[in-house]
Amino acid sequence: MSDTHVTVQVHVLKPSWINYEKNRYRLYMDDCLLTERDWIWDLSTYIEEDIWIDSEPGRTHSLRIEPILQPNSVAQFGLRTLRINGWPKPDLGGELTELSITV
């Protein structure tokens, strides 16, 4: 087992009035809840999540974001700019809700 440092940016994709809603998101590694945060910012702001995991080398993990939305909300969240131990991983274009990570 070795410690692996993972960073990823959480972006909100829409709507433009997102900072007036009271939405949240949950971030999971595999099926383990890492964090739950309120989104109180506008579209131009993102959060960089700083994650440490203890994993066997060569093992693949799933990092996913799950929105917790207010009734009638159309907010969407996405993950971008993944780095593992400081090394950037290819950006697949757009914002994804789930990323595969091999350590």
C-alpha atoms as a PDB file:
ATOM      1  CA  MET A   1       0.000   0.000   0.000  1.00  0.00           C
ATOM      2  CA  SER A   2       1.139   3.514  -0.720  1.00  0.00           C
ATOM      3  CA  ASP A   3      -0.199   7.007  -0.140  1.00  0.00           C
ATOM      4  CA  THR A   4      -1.520   8.607  -3.306  1.00  0.00           C
ATOM      5  CA  HIS A   5      -2.254  12.319  -3.638  1.00  0.00           C
ATOM      6  CA  VAL A   6      -5.218  13.142  -5.897  1.00  0.00           C
ATOM      7  CA  THR A   7      -6.405  16.647  -6.756  1.00  0.00           C
ATOM      8  CA  VAL A   8      -9.426  17.447  -8.894  1.00  0.00           C
ATOM      9  CA  GLN A   9     -11.395  20.585  -9.664  1.00  0.00           C
ATOM     10  CA  VAL A  10     -15.144  20.705  -9.036  1.00  0.00           C
ATOM     11  CA  HIS A  11     -16.965  23.039 -11.428  1.00  0.00           C
ATOM     12  CA  VAL A  12     -20.611  23.986 -11.651  1.00  0.00           C
ATOM     13  CA  LEU A  13     -21.790  23.877 -15.259  1.00  0.00           C
ATOM     14  CA  LYS A  14     -25.123  25.666 -15.004  1.00  0.00           C
ATOM     15  CA  PRO A  15     -27.321  27.627 -14.289  1.00  0.00           C
ATOM     16  CA  SER A  16     -26.028  31.204 -14.163  1.00  0.00           C
ATOM     17  CA  TRP A  17     -27.994  31.889 -10.953  1.00  0.00           C
ATOM     18  CA  ILE A  18     -26.377  28.943  -9.114  1.00  0.00           C
ATOM     19  CA  ASN A  19     -25.111  31.082  -6.206  1.00  0.00           C
ATOM     20  CA  TYR A  20     -28.732  31.896  -5.256  1.00  0.00           C
ATOM     21  CA  GLU A  21     -29.695  28.253  -4.877  1.00  0.00           C
ATOM     22  CA  LYS A  22     -28.787  26.083  -1.897  1.00  0.00           C
ATOM     23  CA  ASN A  23     -27.364  23.078  -3.735  1.00  0.00           C
ATOM     24  CA  ARG A  24     -24.667  20.727  -2.490  1.00  0.00           C
ATOM     25  CA  TYR A  25     -22.483  17.999  -3.876  1.00  0.00           C
ATOM     26  CA  ARG A  26     -20.963  14.805  -2.544  1.00  0.00           C
ATOM     27  CA  LEU A  27     -17.621  13.458  -3.681  1.00  0.00           C
ATOM     28  CA  TYR A  28     -16.992   9.700  -3.550  1.00  0.00           C
ATOM     29  CA  MET A  29     -13.923   7.534  -4.079  1.00  0.00           C
ATOM     30  CA  ASP A  30     -15.298   4.137  -5.050  1.00  0.00           C
ATOM     31  CA  ASP A  31     -18.265   3.880  -2.646  1.00  0.00           C
ATOM     32  CA  CYS A  32     -16.638   5.875   0.177  1.00  0.00           C
ATOM     33  CA  LEU A  33     -17.987   9.388   0.840  1.00  0.00           C
ATOM     34  CA  LEU A  34     -15.067  11.835   0.950  1.00  0.00           C
ATOM     35  CA  THR A  35     -16.871  15.130   1.411  1.00  0.00           C
ATOM     36  CA  GLU A  36     -20.175  16.949   1.143  1.00  0.00           C
ATOM     37  CA  ARG A  37     -20.108  20.679   0.442  1.00  0.00           C
ATOM     38  CA  ASP A  38     -22.579  23.507  -0.051  1.00  0.00           C
ATOM     39  CA  TRP A  39     -22.182  25.384  -3.341  1.00  0.00           C
ATOM     40  CA  ILE A  40     -22.432  29.110  -2.598  1.00  0.00           C
ATOM     41  CA  TRP A  41     -20.334  30.451  -5.479  1.00  0.00           C
ATOM     42  CA  ASP A  42     -20.999  31.614  -9.033  1.00  0.00           C
ATOM     43  CA  LEU A  43     -20.171  29.939 -12.366  1.00  0.00           C
ATOM     44  CA  SER A  44     -16.648  31.376 -12.532  1.00  0.00           C
ATOM     45  CA  THR A  45     -15.547  29.740  -9.267  1.00  0.00           C
ATOM     46  CA  TYR A  46     -14.318  26.186  -8.805  1.00  0.00           C
ATOM     47  CA  ILE A  47     -13.139  24.171  -5.813  1.00  0.00           C
ATOM     48  CA  GLU A  48      -9.951  22.134  -5.916  1.00  0.00           C
ATOM     49  CA  GLU A  49     -10.435  19.018  -3.818  1.00  0.00           C
ATOM     50  CA  ASP A  50      -7.260  17.666  -2.189  1.00  0.00           C
ATOM     51  CA  ILE A  51      -7.572  13.918  -1.541  1.00  0.00           C
ATOM     52  CA  TRP A  52      -5.167  11.377  -0.045  1.00  0.00           C
ATOM     53  CA  ILE A  53      -5.823   7.669  -0.472  1.00  0.00           C
ATOM     54  CA  ASP A  54      -3.969   4.548   0.649  1.00  0.00           C
ATOM     55  CA  SER A  55      -3.975   2.192  -2.310  1.00  0.00           C
ATOM     56  CA  GLU A  56      -2.190  -0.739  -3.833  1.00  0.00           C
ATOM     57  CA  PRO A  57      -0.091   0.239  -6.887  1.00  0.00           C
ATOM     58  CA  GLY A  58      -1.868  -0.488 -10.173  1.00  0.00           C
ATOM     59  CA  ARG A  59      -5.331  -0.485  -8.619  1.00  0.00           C
ATOM     60  CA  THR A  60      -8.099   1.441 -10.403  1.00  0.00           C
ATOM     61  CA  HIS A  61     -10.521   3.610  -8.434  1.00  0.00           C
ATOM     62  CA  SER A  62     -13.642   5.535  -9.374  1.00  0.00           C
ATOM     63  CA  LEU A  63     -13.938   9.202  -8.344  1.00  0.00           C
ATOM     64  CA  ARG A  64     -17.467  10.567  -8.784  1.00  0.00           C
ATOM     65  CA  ILE A  65     -19.511  13.606  -7.910  1.00  0.00           C
ATOM     66  CA  GLU A  66     -23.171  13.408  -6.942  1.00  0.00           C
ATOM     67  CA  PRO A  67     -25.313  16.564  -6.826  1.00  0.00           C
ATOM     68  CA  ILE A  68     -27.736  17.145  -3.939  1.00  0.00           C
ATOM     69  CA  LEU A  69     -30.187  19.569  -5.508  1.00  0.00           C
ATOM     70  CA  GLN A  70     -33.014  21.734  -4.277  1.00  0.00           C
ATOM     71  CA  PRO A  71     -36.450  21.004  -5.782  1.00  0.00           C
ATOM     72  CA  ASN A  72     -36.705  22.179  -9.408  1.00  0.00           C
ATOM     73  CA  SER A  73     -32.973  22.949  -9.621  1.00  0.00           C
ATOM     74  CA  VAL A  74     -31.195  22.275 -12.919  1.00  0.00           C
ATOM     75  CA  ALA A  75     -27.662  22.615 -11.505  1.00  0.00           C
ATOM     76  CA  GLN A  76     -24.959  20.381 -12.909  1.00  0.00           C
ATOM     77  CA  PHE A  77     -21.514  19.718 -11.456  1.00  0.00           C
ATOM     78  CA  GLY A  78     -18.423  18.323 -13.155  1.00  0.00           C
ATOM     79  CA  LEU A  79     -14.856  17.175 -12.442  1.00  0.00           C
ATOM     80  CA  ARG A  80     -11.823  18.569 -14.298  1.00  0.00           C
ATOM     81  CA  THR A  81      -8.039  18.906 -14.099  1.00  0.00           C
ATOM     82  CA  LEU A  82      -7.223  15.614 -12.421  1.00  0.00           C
ATOM     83  CA  ARG A  83      -3.723  15.213 -10.978  1.00  0.00           C
ATOM     84  CA  ILE A  84      -2.250  12.119  -9.366  1.00  0.00           C
ATOM     85  CA  ASN A  85       0.849  12.697  -7.220  1.00  0.00           C
ATOM     86  CA  GLY A  86       1.241  16.069  -8.932  1.00  0.00           C
ATOM     87  CA  TRP A  87       1.135  14.645 -12.466  1.00  0.00           C
ATOM     88  CA  PRO A  88      -1.680  15.899 -14.701  1.00  0.00           C
ATOM     89  CA  LYS A  89      -3.901  13.357 -16.394  1.00  0.00           C
ATOM     90  CA  PRO A  90      -5.326  13.971 -19.872  1.00  0.00           C
ATOM     91  CA  ASP A  91      -8.357  16.244 -19.913  1.00  0.00           C
ATOM     92  CA  LEU A  92     -11.099  14.431 -21.820  1.00  0.00           C
ATOM     93  CA  GLY A  93     -12.860  17.686 -22.696  1.00  0.00           C
ATOM     94  CA  GLY A  94     -15.903  19.031 -20.941  1.00  0.00           C
ATOM     95  CA  GLU A  95     -16.711  18.209 -17.364  1.00  0.00           C
ATOM     96  CA  LEU A  96     -17.325  14.619 -16.292  1.00  0.00           C
ATOM     97  CA  THR A  97     -19.217  13.350 -13.243  1.00  0.00           C
ATOM     98  CA  GLU A  98     -17.024  10.262 -12.884  1.00  0.00           C
ATOM     99  CA  LEU A  99     -13.308   9.701 -13.437  1.00  0.00           C
ATOM    100  CA  SER A 100     -11.292   6.488 -13.411  1.00  0.00           C
ATOM    101  CA  ILE A 101      -8.019   6.698 -11.492  1.00  0.00           C
ATOM    102  CA  THR A 102      -5.231   4.119 -11.676  1.00  0.00           C
ATOM    103  CA  VAL A 103      -2.550   4.596  -9.022  1.00  0.00           C
END
